[in-house]
Amino acid sequence: MTIRVELNAETEARLAAEACAQGLPLEKLAERLLAQALTANTSPHNALTVEDFHRMLEGMAEGSEGLPDLPTESFARASFYEDPLDGRDAVSRR
């Protein structure tokens, strides 16, 4: 299929420079970019299937069996910062 696309000067220059850098004819690069754009739009960007998500979690947990269980208090603000707020707001109120 042949299509005609009108490009502004800036886009044409960028396309020509990229084609030259990759050693491709301009038409081949345009075809490749169009195919990539269509492929990217067929599925949400960075979307994971449930199975992929579970595999990712298992990979993150791998080797963590020997880590100690920490009490909930370990995740309080005072355990992360040396200057506890002492009941004050973190952001001053107006």
Protein backbone atom coordinates (compact mmCIF):
# COMPACT_ATOMS: atom_id res chain seq x y z
CA MET A 1 0.00 0.00 0.00
CA THR A 2 1.25 3.44 -0.79
CA ILE A 3 0.24 6.51 1.17
CA ARG A 4 1.25 10.14 0.90
CA VAL A 5 2.07 12.11 4.05
CA GLU A 6 2.81 15.83 4.19
CA LEU A 7 5.55 16.54 6.76
CA ASN A 8 6.60 19.91 8.10
CA ALA A 9 10.24 20.87 7.53
CA GLU A 10 11.34 20.02 11.07
CA THR A 11 9.80 16.53 11.02
CA GLU A 12 11.21 15.87 7.56
CA ALA A 13 14.70 16.89 8.69
CA ARG A 14 14.51 14.71 11.81
CA LEU A 15 13.27 11.74 9.79
CA ALA A 16 16.01 12.19 7.19
CA ALA A 17 18.70 12.51 9.87
CA GLU A 18 17.50 9.38 11.66
CA ALA A 19 17.30 7.41 8.41
CA CYS A 20 20.86 8.49 7.57
CA ALA A 21 22.07 7.56 11.06
CA GLN A 22 20.53 4.09 10.75
CA GLY A 23 21.68 3.64 7.16
CA LEU A 24 18.13 3.13 5.93
CA PRO A 25 16.16 4.64 3.09
CA LEU A 26 13.80 7.30 4.40
CA GLU A 27 10.75 5.28 3.28
CA LYS A 28 11.93 2.16 5.18
CA LEU A 29 12.44 4.12 8.38
CA ALA A 30 9.00 5.73 8.03
CA GLU A 31 7.47 2.28 7.52
CA ARG A 32 9.29 0.93 10.58
CA LEU A 33 8.25 3.88 12.76
CA LEU A 34 4.62 3.54 11.69
CA ALA A 35 4.64 -0.20 12.46
CA GLN A 36 6.17 0.46 15.90
CA ALA A 37 3.58 3.14 16.65
CA LEU A 38 0.73 0.81 15.70
CA THR A 39 2.18 -2.02 17.78
CA ALA A 40 2.61 0.26 20.79
CA ASN A 41 -1.04 1.31 20.59
CA THR A 42 -2.43 -2.23 20.58
CA SER A 43 -1.69 -2.75 24.26
CA PRO A 44 -1.49 -0.26 27.12
CA HIS A 45 2.03 1.04 27.72
CA ASN A 46 3.88 -1.11 30.26
CA ALA A 47 0.75 -3.17 30.99
CA LEU A 48 1.41 -6.45 32.75
CA THR A 49 -0.73 -9.52 32.67
CA VAL A 50 -1.68 -10.96 36.05
CA GLU A 51 0.73 -13.81 35.45
CA ASP A 52 3.59 -11.42 34.60
CA PHE A 53 2.81 -9.40 37.73
CA HIS A 54 2.96 -12.51 39.92
CA ARG A 55 6.24 -13.59 38.29
CA MET A 56 7.65 -10.12 38.96
CA LEU A 57 6.61 -10.30 42.63
CA GLU A 58 8.09 -13.79 42.99
CA GLY A 59 11.34 -12.54 41.46
CA MET A 60 11.46 -9.64 43.91
CA ALA A 61 10.82 -11.97 46.83
CA GLU A 62 13.38 -14.53 45.71
CA GLY A 63 16.17 -14.77 48.27
CA SER A 64 14.28 -12.82 50.90
CA GLU A 65 13.46 -15.89 53.00
CA GLY A 66 16.39 -15.16 55.33
CA LEU A 67 15.44 -11.55 56.01
CA PRO A 68 14.11 -10.80 59.50
CA ASP A 69 10.46 -9.95 60.11
CA LEU A 70 10.24 -6.34 61.25
CA PRO A 71 7.66 -4.99 63.67
CA THR A 72 5.19 -2.41 62.32
CA GLU A 73 6.83 0.31 64.46
CA SER A 74 9.91 -0.01 62.26
CA PHE A 75 8.02 1.81 59.53
CA ALA A 76 7.00 4.82 61.62
CA ARG A 77 8.26 8.26 60.56
CA ALA A 78 10.56 8.51 63.57
CA SER A 79 12.44 5.40 62.44
CA PHE A 80 13.35 7.08 59.13
CA TYR A 81 14.13 10.64 60.22
CA GLU A 82 16.33 12.02 62.98
CA ASP A 83 14.13 15.06 63.53
CA PRO A 84 10.72 13.76 64.61
CA LEU A 85 7.86 16.18 64.13
CA ASP A 86 6.81 15.95 67.79
CA GLY A 87 3.14 16.30 66.88
CA ARG A 88 3.69 19.21 64.48
CA ASP A 89 2.52 19.16 60.88
CA ALA A 90 5.11 18.31 58.25
CA VAL A 91 3.89 21.26 56.17
CA SER A 92 3.24 24.59 57.82
CA ARG A 93 -0.37 25.68 57.75
CA ARG A 94 -1.35 29.12 56.51
